[in-house]
Amino acid sequence: MSSPALSRDRITALPVHEAPTQPGAPRSPRPTQPVIHRIIAHFRYDLLRADVWWSPEMFALAGVPDGAAEASTELLLQHLHPEDRGRALRAITEACTAARPFSVRSRLVRPGSGQRAIVLIGEPETDPDGHVVAVHCLAVDLTDCPEPEKVPDRTAALEAEVGQMRAAMASRAAIEQAKGILMLLTSCSDTVAFELLAHISSHTHRKVRDVAESITESASGRVQLPDDVRAIIRDACPPRRSRR
């Protein structure tokens, strides 16, 4: 399966601020601490289309000109350190086949520019029957981040950040599935389906993600839909035509 292209987040830098000076006063020297640049790149495996997508940031992170090569697992492994390829491949394979999320530290080798320290994060998306339909992934460049021994709590901060990213990806997947179910039930558009989710969330005092998960789990037959959620969805569904 050719790998889906990764969508890259914008490169963000922590700005260095200078204290204001009076006209004619000599400028104070800039602080010596380095400016931190971090790239967060996206990539996705679409199992229904047997396709892989990389964002432009993912191509930049790998040092490959955008469009110069087709996004694929092979291209990713080619740019990983040889010692890291097996671990990354196992994580991706288990995500695609067994719906297992992953978070893997690795080293990216770029031609002529040395190694980059990265973490690969993957969150599977499943259909109501539990089959994996896509895996949403991130590649986070940690090369310019302070070393853990220099900042003792940096490891914990990075773990918390990874957890937040995975939670956001899982929430997005659940919401997309619930929107699809509502679109089938109510014959509405994508936008209206999300508005209905927000409406249910507001009137039942539940988070949108919790509402989405209850809808998808009910559709798969694992749990029963809560009464208040069912009532709102029933009111939103078009009346059935009577058979003559």
Protein backbone atom coordinates (compact mmCIF):
# COMPACT_ATOMS: atom_id res chain seq x y z
CA MET A 1 0.00 0.00 0.00
CA SER A 2 1.49 3.31 -0.98
CA SER A 3 1.59 5.52 2.05
CA PRO A 4 -0.74 8.59 2.35
CA ALA A 5 0.87 11.99 2.19
CA LEU A 6 1.67 13.72 5.47
CA SER A 7 0.20 17.15 6.19
CA ARG A 8 2.79 19.31 7.90
CA ASP A 9 1.99 21.93 10.47
CA ARG A 10 3.58 25.31 10.03
CA ILE A 11 7.09 25.75 11.37
CA THR A 12 6.81 27.73 14.55
CA ALA A 13 9.61 29.57 16.31
CA LEU A 14 9.74 30.93 19.81
CA PRO A 15 10.46 34.63 19.25
CA VAL A 16 13.28 36.44 21.04
CA HIS A 17 11.98 39.68 22.58
CA GLU A 18 14.07 42.80 23.10
CA ALA A 19 13.43 45.38 25.76
CA PRO A 20 12.39 48.77 24.29
CA THR A 21 15.18 51.37 24.14
CA GLN A 22 15.11 55.15 24.16
CA PRO A 23 15.96 56.95 20.89
CA GLY A 24 19.72 57.18 20.52
CA ALA A 25 20.40 54.68 23.28
CA PRO A 26 22.69 51.77 22.38
CA ARG A 27 20.91 48.53 21.65
CA SER A 28 21.35 45.80 24.21
CA PRO A 29 22.82 42.59 22.81
CA ARG A 30 20.40 39.84 21.85
CA PRO A 31 20.03 36.95 24.30
CA THR A 32 22.33 34.07 23.50
CA GLN A 33 19.79 31.28 23.91
CA PRO A 34 18.91 29.62 20.59
CA VAL A 35 15.58 30.11 18.89
CA ILE A 36 13.71 26.79 18.89
CA HIS A 37 12.19 25.65 15.62
CA ARG A 38 9.84 22.71 15.72
CA ILE A 39 8.15 21.00 12.81
CA ILE A 40 4.96 19.02 13.31
CA ALA A 41 4.20 17.06 10.16
CA HIS A 42 1.12 15.00 9.34
CA PHE A 43 0.71 11.80 7.37
CA ARG A 44 -2.18 9.42 6.93
CA TYR A 45 -2.84 5.85 5.86
CA ASP A 46 -6.18 5.47 4.09
CA LEU A 47 -6.89 1.74 4.10
CA LEU A 48 -10.14 2.05 2.14
CA ARG A 49 -8.33 3.66 -0.79
CA ALA A 50 -5.04 1.82 -0.17
CA ASP A 51 -3.35 5.21 -0.20
CA VAL A 52 -0.78 7.14 1.82
CA TRP A 53 -0.73 10.92 2.17
CA TRP A 54 2.07 13.21 3.39
CA SER A 55 1.73 16.89 4.15
CA PRO A 56 4.24 19.34 2.64
CA GLU A 57 5.86 19.60 6.09
CA MET A 58 6.47 15.85 6.09
CA PHE A 59 8.36 16.06 2.81
CA ALA A 60 10.37 18.99 4.21
CA LEU A 61 11.14 17.10 7.42
CA ALA A 62 12.49 14.18 5.40
CA GLY A 63 14.48 16.53 3.18
CA VAL A 64 12.54 15.48 0.09
CA PRO A 65 11.28 18.20 -2.31
CA ASP A 66 7.47 18.22 -2.30
CA GLY A 67 6.27 16.17 -5.25
CA ALA A 68 9.71 14.71 -6.01
CA ALA A 69 8.68 11.29 -4.69
CA GLU A 70 5.45 9.44 -3.92
CA ALA A 71 4.52 9.26 -0.25
CA SER A 72 4.86 5.72 1.05
CA THR A 73 5.92 3.63 4.00
CA GLU A 74 9.02 2.69 2.04
CA LEU A 75 9.98 6.36 1.64
CA LEU A 76 9.57 6.92 5.39
CA LEU A 77 11.64 3.86 6.32
CA GLN A 78 14.30 4.86 3.81
CA HIS A 79 14.86 8.09 5.76
CA LEU A 80 14.80 6.53 9.23
CA HIS A 81 17.96 5.37 10.96
CA PRO A 82 18.52 1.67 10.13
CA GLU A 83 18.26 0.73 13.82
CA ASP A 84 14.82 2.39 14.08
CA ARG A 85 13.17 1.01 10.95
CA GLY A 86 11.97 -2.30 12.40
CA ARG A 87 10.35 -0.69 15.43
CA ALA A 88 8.60 1.95 13.31
CA LEU A 89 7.37 -0.61 10.78
CA ARG A 90 5.93 -2.85 13.52
CA ALA A 91 4.12 0.09 15.09
CA ILE A 92 2.59 1.18 11.76
CA THR A 93 1.62 -2.38 10.85
CA GLU A 94 -0.10 -3.02 14.19
CA ALA A 95 -1.96 0.29 13.90
CA CYS A 96 -3.26 -0.66 10.43
CA THR A 97 -4.13 -4.27 11.29
CA ALA A 98 -4.97 -4.29 15.01
CA ALA A 99 -6.06 -0.67 15.66
CA ARG A 100 -3.19 -0.11 18.10
CA PRO A 101 -2.14 3.52 18.61
CA PHE A 102 1.57 4.16 18.82
CA SER A 103 4.19 6.64 19.91
CA VAL A 104 7.72 5.80 18.72
CA ARG A 105 10.92 7.79 19.12
CA SER A 106 13.17 7.59 16.08
CA ARG A 107 15.97 9.27 14.17
CA LEU A 108 15.42 10.77 10.74
CA VAL A 109 18.45 10.80 8.44
CA ARG A 110 18.42 13.63 5.89
CA PRO A 111 20.87 13.75 2.98
CA GLY A 112 23.64 16.23 3.70
CA SER A 113 22.11 17.61 6.91
CA GLY A 114 22.63 14.90 9.52
CA GLN A 115 20.07 13.35 11.84
CA ARG A 116 16.85 14.76 13.32
CA ALA A 117 15.34 13.42 16.54
CA ILE A 118 11.63 12.78 15.99
CA VAL A 119 8.68 11.05 17.57
CA LEU A 120 6.11 9.27 15.39
CA ILE A 121 2.54 9.22 16.71
CA GLY A 122 -0.32 7.22 15.20
CA GLU A 123 -4.02 7.03 16.04
CA PRO A 124 -6.18 4.47 14.17
CA GLU A 125 -9.69 5.32 12.96
CA THR A 126 -12.17 2.45 12.87
CA ASP A 127 -15.62 1.94 11.37
CA PRO A 128 -18.65 0.93 13.49
CA ASP A 129 -17.64 -2.73 13.11
CA GLY A 130 -14.19 -2.08 14.57
CA HIS A 131 -12.26 -2.41 11.30
CA VAL A 132 -9.42 0.04 10.74
CA VAL A 133 -10.24 2.46 7.90
CA ALA A 134 -7.42 4.97 8.42
CA VAL A 135 -4.46 5.79 10.62
CA HIS A 136 -3.79 9.46 11.35
CA CYS A 137 -0.14 10.13 12.16
CA LEU A 138 2.16 12.91 13.30
CA ALA A 139 5.92 13.29 13.06
CA VAL A 140 7.23 15.78 15.63
CA ASP A 141 10.76 17.15 15.27
CA LEU A 142 12.40 17.36 18.71
CA THR A 143 15.95 18.07 17.54
CA ASP A 144 16.14 21.67 18.76
CA CYS A 145 14.34 21.06 22.04
CA PRO A 146 16.41 21.29 25.25
CA GLU A 147 17.96 18.03 26.39
CA PRO A 148 16.17 16.27 29.29
CA GLU A 149 19.25 16.57 31.52
CA LYS A 150 19.26 20.34 31.00
CA VAL A 151 15.56 20.66 31.71
CA PRO A 152 14.61 17.91 34.18
CA ASP A 153 10.88 18.06 33.56
CA ARG A 154 11.18 18.23 29.75
CA THR A 155 10.50 14.52 29.30
CA ALA A 156 7.27 14.76 31.29
CA ALA A 157 6.26 17.84 29.30
CA LEU A 158 6.87 16.05 25.99
CA GLU A 159 4.93 12.99 27.17
CA ALA A 160 2.02 15.24 28.14
CA GLU A 161 2.18 16.96 24.74
CA VAL A 162 2.16 13.63 22.94
CA GLY A 163 -0.81 12.53 25.05
CA GLN A 164 -2.71 15.68 24.11
CA MET A 165 -1.96 15.14 20.41
CA ARG A 166 -3.15 11.54 20.56
CA ALA A 167 -6.32 12.55 22.43
CA ALA A 168 -7.05 15.22 19.83
CA MET A 169 -6.53 12.73 16.99
CA ALA A 170 -8.78 10.14 18.68
CA SER A 171 -11.45 12.78 19.26
CA ARG A 172 -11.33 13.83 15.61
CA ALA A 173 -11.69 10.22 14.44
CA ALA A 174 -14.70 9.59 16.69
CA ILE A 175 -16.40 12.81 15.59
CA GLU A 176 -15.88 11.99 11.89
CA GLN A 177 -17.45 8.55 12.38
CA ALA A 178 -20.42 9.97 14.28
CA LYS A 179 -20.95 12.61 11.59
CA GLY A 180 -21.11 9.89 8.96
CA ILE A 181 -23.71 7.99 10.96
CA LEU A 182 -25.83 11.11 11.45
CA MET A 183 -25.57 11.95 7.75
CA LEU A 184 -26.99 8.51 6.92
CA LEU A 185 -29.76 8.75 9.51
CA THR A 186 -30.89 12.28 8.76
CA SER A 187 -29.86 12.69 5.09
CA CYS A 188 -28.03 15.88 6.05
CA SER A 189 -24.74 17.46 4.99
CA ASP A 190 -21.39 17.21 6.75
CA THR A 191 -21.81 20.68 8.25
CA VAL A 192 -25.33 20.01 9.52
CA ALA A 193 -24.18 16.71 11.04
CA PHE A 194 -21.54 18.52 13.09
CA GLU A 195 -24.05 21.18 14.12
CA LEU A 196 -26.34 18.38 15.30
CA LEU A 197 -23.51 16.91 17.35
CA ALA A 198 -22.89 20.32 18.92
CA HIS A 199 -26.63 20.71 19.58
CA ILE A 200 -26.77 17.32 21.33
CA SER A 201 -23.66 18.21 23.33
CA SER A 202 -25.19 21.50 24.50
CA HIS A 203 -28.57 20.04 25.47
CA THR A 204 -27.28 16.90 27.19
CA HIS A 205 -24.32 18.59 28.91
CA ARG A 206 -21.84 16.15 27.38
CA LYS A 207 -18.63 16.83 25.49
CA VAL A 208 -18.88 16.56 21.72
CA ARG A 209 -16.39 13.70 21.74
CA ASP A 210 -18.45 11.81 24.36
CA VAL A 211 -21.59 12.25 22.26
CA ALA A 212 -19.72 11.05 19.16
CA GLU A 213 -18.40 7.97 20.96
CA SER A 214 -21.85 7.06 22.31
CA ILE A 215 -23.28 7.26 18.76
CA THR A 216 -20.53 5.12 17.20
CA GLU A 217 -20.62 2.54 19.99
CA SER A 218 -24.41 2.33 19.73
CA ALA A 219 -24.18 1.87 15.96
CA SER A 220 -21.78 -1.05 16.48
CA GLY A 221 -24.18 -2.64 18.97
CA ARG A 222 -21.78 -2.47 21.90
CA VAL A 223 -23.90 -0.16 24.06
CA GLN A 224 -27.34 1.38 24.06
CA LEU A 225 -27.71 5.00 23.04
CA PRO A 226 -28.54 7.26 26.03
CA ASP A 227 -32.22 8.22 26.15
CA ASP A 228 -31.66 11.97 25.90
CA VAL A 229 -29.32 11.59 22.92
CA ARG A 230 -31.71 9.18 21.22
CA ALA A 231 -34.62 11.59 21.67
CA ILE A 232 -32.80 14.45 19.95
CA ILE A 233 -31.64 12.26 17.06
CA ARG A 234 -35.16 10.85 16.64
CA ASP A 235 -36.56 14.38 16.37
CA ALA A 236 -33.93 15.25 13.77
CA CYS A 237 -34.59 12.20 11.59
CA PRO A 238 -37.03 12.68 8.69
CA PRO A 239 -40.35 10.85 9.08
CA ARG A 240 -40.53 7.48 7.40
CA ARG A 241 -42.85 7.18 4.44
CA SER A 242 -45.75 4.86 5.08
CA ARG A 243 -46.04 1.91 2.74
CA ARG A 244 -49.31 1.54 0.87
